[in-house]
Every structure is written in C-alpha cells, then in structure tokens.
C-alpha cells in the first residue's frame, strides 16, 4: 500500500532543507499515517489514515 491517506489522499511532499550556511538539499515529508480498522461499505477493513482525518471524525472505526 502506498504512503497515502485512504480518506483524503494526503501523501508525501517534497521541498528543500536549508541549512544555516544556506546549503540546500532535497527533503521529503511523510504524512502521519496510522493503520486503522474502519467500517467501509458495511465491512471492516484495515486502511491507513492520517491523524487529521482520525481527529476530525471522517473515519468510523470498527472494534
């Protein structure tokens, strides 16, 4: 499974890390994904969801 949220589609983002001497190197930022048992179409499935979607209540968790 890709490093992407199953609800909102949030994935890796890229940019430049800039040091104190202004040397620029490429850097990637990964989303905070958590494996969660969620109810999707009436069945329980394991999906990766970002913590923003978990906190906002976009996912109905299964027990």
N, C-alpha and C. Protein backbone atom coordinates (compact mmCIF):
# COMPACT_ATOMS: atom_id res chain seq x y z
N UNK A 1 0.85 -1.18 0.00
CA UNK A 1 0.00 0.00 0.00
C UNK A 1 0.89 1.24 0.00
N UNK A 2 0.51 2.22 -0.75
CA UNK A 2 1.31 3.43 -0.86
C UNK A 2 1.24 4.25 0.42
N UNK A 3 2.18 5.16 0.55
CA UNK A 3 2.23 6.03 1.71
C UNK A 3 1.27 7.20 1.49
N UNK A 4 -0.03 6.89 1.53
CA UNK A 4 -1.07 7.86 1.20
C UNK A 4 -2.29 7.59 2.07
N UNK A 5 -2.96 8.64 2.50
CA UNK A 5 -4.16 8.50 3.31
C UNK A 5 -5.30 7.96 2.44
N UNK A 6 -6.03 6.98 2.97
CA UNK A 6 -7.12 6.37 2.22
C UNK A 6 -8.36 7.27 2.16
N UNK A 7 -8.45 8.29 3.02
CA UNK A 7 -9.63 9.14 3.06
C UNK A 7 -9.42 10.42 2.26
N UNK A 8 -8.38 11.18 2.59
CA UNK A 8 -8.19 12.48 1.94
C UNK A 8 -7.14 12.45 0.84
N UNK A 9 -6.34 11.40 0.77
CA UNK A 9 -5.34 11.30 -0.29
C UNK A 9 -4.04 12.04 0.01
N UNK A 10 -3.85 12.45 1.24
CA UNK A 10 -2.62 13.15 1.60
C UNK A 10 -1.43 12.21 1.44
N UNK A 11 -0.38 12.68 0.78
CA UNK A 11 0.80 11.86 0.54
C UNK A 11 2.07 12.62 0.86
N UNK A 12 3.18 12.09 0.36
CA UNK A 12 4.46 12.72 0.60
C UNK A 12 4.53 14.07 -0.11
N UNK A 13 5.25 15.01 0.52
CA UNK A 13 5.51 16.28 -0.12
C UNK A 13 7.01 16.49 -0.13
N UNK A 14 7.50 17.21 -1.12
CA UNK A 14 8.93 17.42 -1.26
C UNK A 14 9.25 18.89 -1.17
N UNK A 15 10.50 19.16 -0.86
CA UNK A 15 10.96 20.53 -0.78
C UNK A 15 12.45 20.55 -0.53
N UNK A 16 12.93 21.71 -0.13
CA UNK A 16 14.35 21.87 0.14
C UNK A 16 14.59 22.08 1.62
N UNK A 17 15.58 21.36 2.15
CA UNK A 17 16.03 21.59 3.51
C UNK A 17 17.19 22.57 3.43
N UNK A 18 17.09 23.68 4.14
CA UNK A 18 18.09 24.74 4.04
C UNK A 18 18.84 24.82 5.36
N UNK A 19 20.16 24.65 5.28
CA UNK A 19 20.99 24.69 6.48
C UNK A 19 21.31 26.13 6.86
N UNK A 20 22.03 26.28 7.94
CA UNK A 20 22.40 27.62 8.42
C UNK A 20 23.29 28.33 7.40
N UNK A 21 24.14 27.57 6.70
CA UNK A 21 25.02 28.16 5.68
C UNK A 21 24.33 28.22 4.31
N UNK A 22 23.03 27.96 4.28
CA UNK A 22 22.17 28.03 3.10
C UNK A 22 22.53 26.99 2.05
N UNK A 23 23.04 25.83 2.48
CA UNK A 23 23.22 24.70 1.57
C UNK A 23 21.88 24.00 1.47
N UNK A 24 21.41 23.84 0.22
CA UNK A 24 20.07 23.28 0.01
C UNK A 24 20.16 21.84 -0.43
N UNK A 25 19.42 20.97 0.24
CA UNK A 25 19.32 19.56 -0.13
C UNK A 25 17.86 19.18 -0.20
N UNK A 26 17.55 18.19 -1.03
CA UNK A 26 16.17 17.76 -1.18
C UNK A 26 15.72 16.98 0.04
N UNK A 27 14.46 17.17 0.42
CA UNK A 27 13.90 16.52 1.60
C UNK A 27 12.46 16.13 1.29
N UNK A 28 12.00 15.03 1.89
CA UNK A 28 10.60 14.63 1.77
C UNK A 28 9.96 14.63 3.15
N UNK A 29 8.71 15.02 3.19
CA UNK A 29 7.92 14.98 4.42
C UNK A 29 6.82 13.95 4.23
N UNK A 30 6.73 13.02 5.16
CA UNK A 30 5.72 11.97 5.09
C UNK A 30 4.56 12.31 6.01
N UNK A 31 3.33 11.96 5.62
CA UNK A 31 2.18 12.22 6.50
C UNK A 31 2.18 11.25 7.68
N UNK A 32 1.53 11.64 8.74
CA UNK A 32 1.43 10.80 9.94
C UNK A 32 0.27 9.83 9.73
N UNK A 33 0.58 8.66 9.17
CA UNK A 33 -0.43 7.66 8.87
C UNK A 33 -0.50 6.62 9.97
N UNK A 34 -1.70 6.20 10.27
CA UNK A 34 -1.93 5.18 11.29
C UNK A 34 -2.76 4.05 10.68
N UNK A 35 -2.38 2.79 10.91
CA UNK A 35 -3.23 1.69 10.46
C UNK A 35 -4.46 1.58 11.35
N UNK A 36 -5.64 1.56 10.74
CA UNK A 36 -6.90 1.61 11.48
C UNK A 36 -7.86 0.60 10.90
N UNK A 37 -8.60 -0.06 11.77
CA UNK A 37 -9.72 -0.89 11.32
C UNK A 37 -10.93 0.03 11.18
N UNK A 38 -11.44 0.15 9.97
CA UNK A 38 -12.55 1.07 9.71
C UNK A 38 -13.68 0.32 9.02
N UNK A 39 -14.87 0.85 9.17
CA UNK A 39 -16.04 0.27 8.52
C UNK A 39 -16.22 0.97 7.17
N UNK A 40 -16.04 0.21 6.08
CA UNK A 40 -16.17 0.75 4.73
C UNK A 40 -17.19 -0.11 3.98
N UNK A 41 -18.27 0.50 3.55
CA UNK A 41 -19.36 -0.19 2.84
C UNK A 41 -19.91 -1.35 3.64
N UNK A 42 -20.00 -1.18 4.96
CA UNK A 42 -20.58 -2.19 5.82
C UNK A 42 -19.63 -3.30 6.23
N UNK A 43 -18.39 -3.31 5.74
CA UNK A 43 -17.42 -4.33 6.11
C UNK A 43 -16.24 -3.69 6.81
N UNK A 44 -15.57 -4.47 7.64
CA UNK A 44 -14.41 -3.99 8.37
C UNK A 44 -13.16 -4.22 7.52
N UNK A 45 -12.40 -3.14 7.32
CA UNK A 45 -11.16 -3.23 6.55
C UNK A 45 -10.06 -2.47 7.26
N UNK A 46 -8.82 -2.91 7.04
CA UNK A 46 -7.67 -2.20 7.59
C UNK A 46 -7.17 -1.21 6.54
N UNK A 47 -7.13 0.06 6.91
CA UNK A 47 -6.67 1.10 5.99
C UNK A 47 -5.68 1.99 6.72
N UNK A 48 -4.91 2.75 5.95
CA UNK A 48 -4.00 3.75 6.52
C UNK A 48 -4.68 5.11 6.42
N UNK A 49 -4.78 5.78 7.55
CA UNK A 49 -5.49 7.06 7.63
C UNK A 49 -4.58 8.06 8.33
N UNK A 50 -4.55 9.29 7.84
CA UNK A 50 -3.76 10.32 8.50
C UNK A 50 -4.46 10.75 9.79
N UNK A 51 -3.69 11.29 10.70
CA UNK A 51 -4.24 11.65 12.01
C UNK A 51 -5.20 12.83 11.91
N UNK A 52 -5.08 13.65 10.89
CA UNK A 52 -6.02 14.76 10.71
C UNK A 52 -7.42 14.21 10.44
N UNK A 53 -7.53 13.17 9.60
CA UNK A 53 -8.84 12.57 9.30
C UNK A 53 -9.40 11.83 10.52
N UNK A 54 -8.52 11.18 11.30
CA UNK A 54 -8.97 10.50 12.50
C UNK A 54 -9.53 11.50 13.51
N UNK A 55 -8.82 12.60 13.70
CA UNK A 55 -9.23 13.59 14.69
C UNK A 55 -10.51 14.31 14.30
N UNK A 56 -10.71 14.53 13.00
CA UNK A 56 -11.88 15.27 12.56
C UNK A 56 -13.13 14.39 12.45
N UNK A 57 -12.96 13.08 12.62
CA UNK A 57 -14.12 12.18 12.61
C UNK A 57 -14.56 11.75 11.24
N UNK A 58 -13.68 11.80 10.24
CA UNK A 58 -14.04 11.37 8.89
C UNK A 58 -14.04 9.86 8.74
N UNK A 59 -13.56 9.13 9.77
CA UNK A 59 -13.47 7.68 9.71
C UNK A 59 -14.31 7.09 10.83
N UNK A 60 -15.12 6.07 10.49
CA UNK A 60 -15.85 5.36 11.52
C UNK A 60 -15.05 4.11 11.86
N UNK A 61 -14.51 4.07 13.06
CA UNK A 61 -13.64 2.97 13.45
C UNK A 61 -14.45 1.75 13.84
N UNK A 62 -13.88 0.58 13.60
CA UNK A 62 -14.50 -0.69 13.98
C UNK A 62 -13.82 -1.19 15.25
N UNK A 63 -14.53 -1.97 16.02
CA UNK A 63 -13.96 -2.51 17.26
C UNK A 63 -13.22 -3.79 17.01
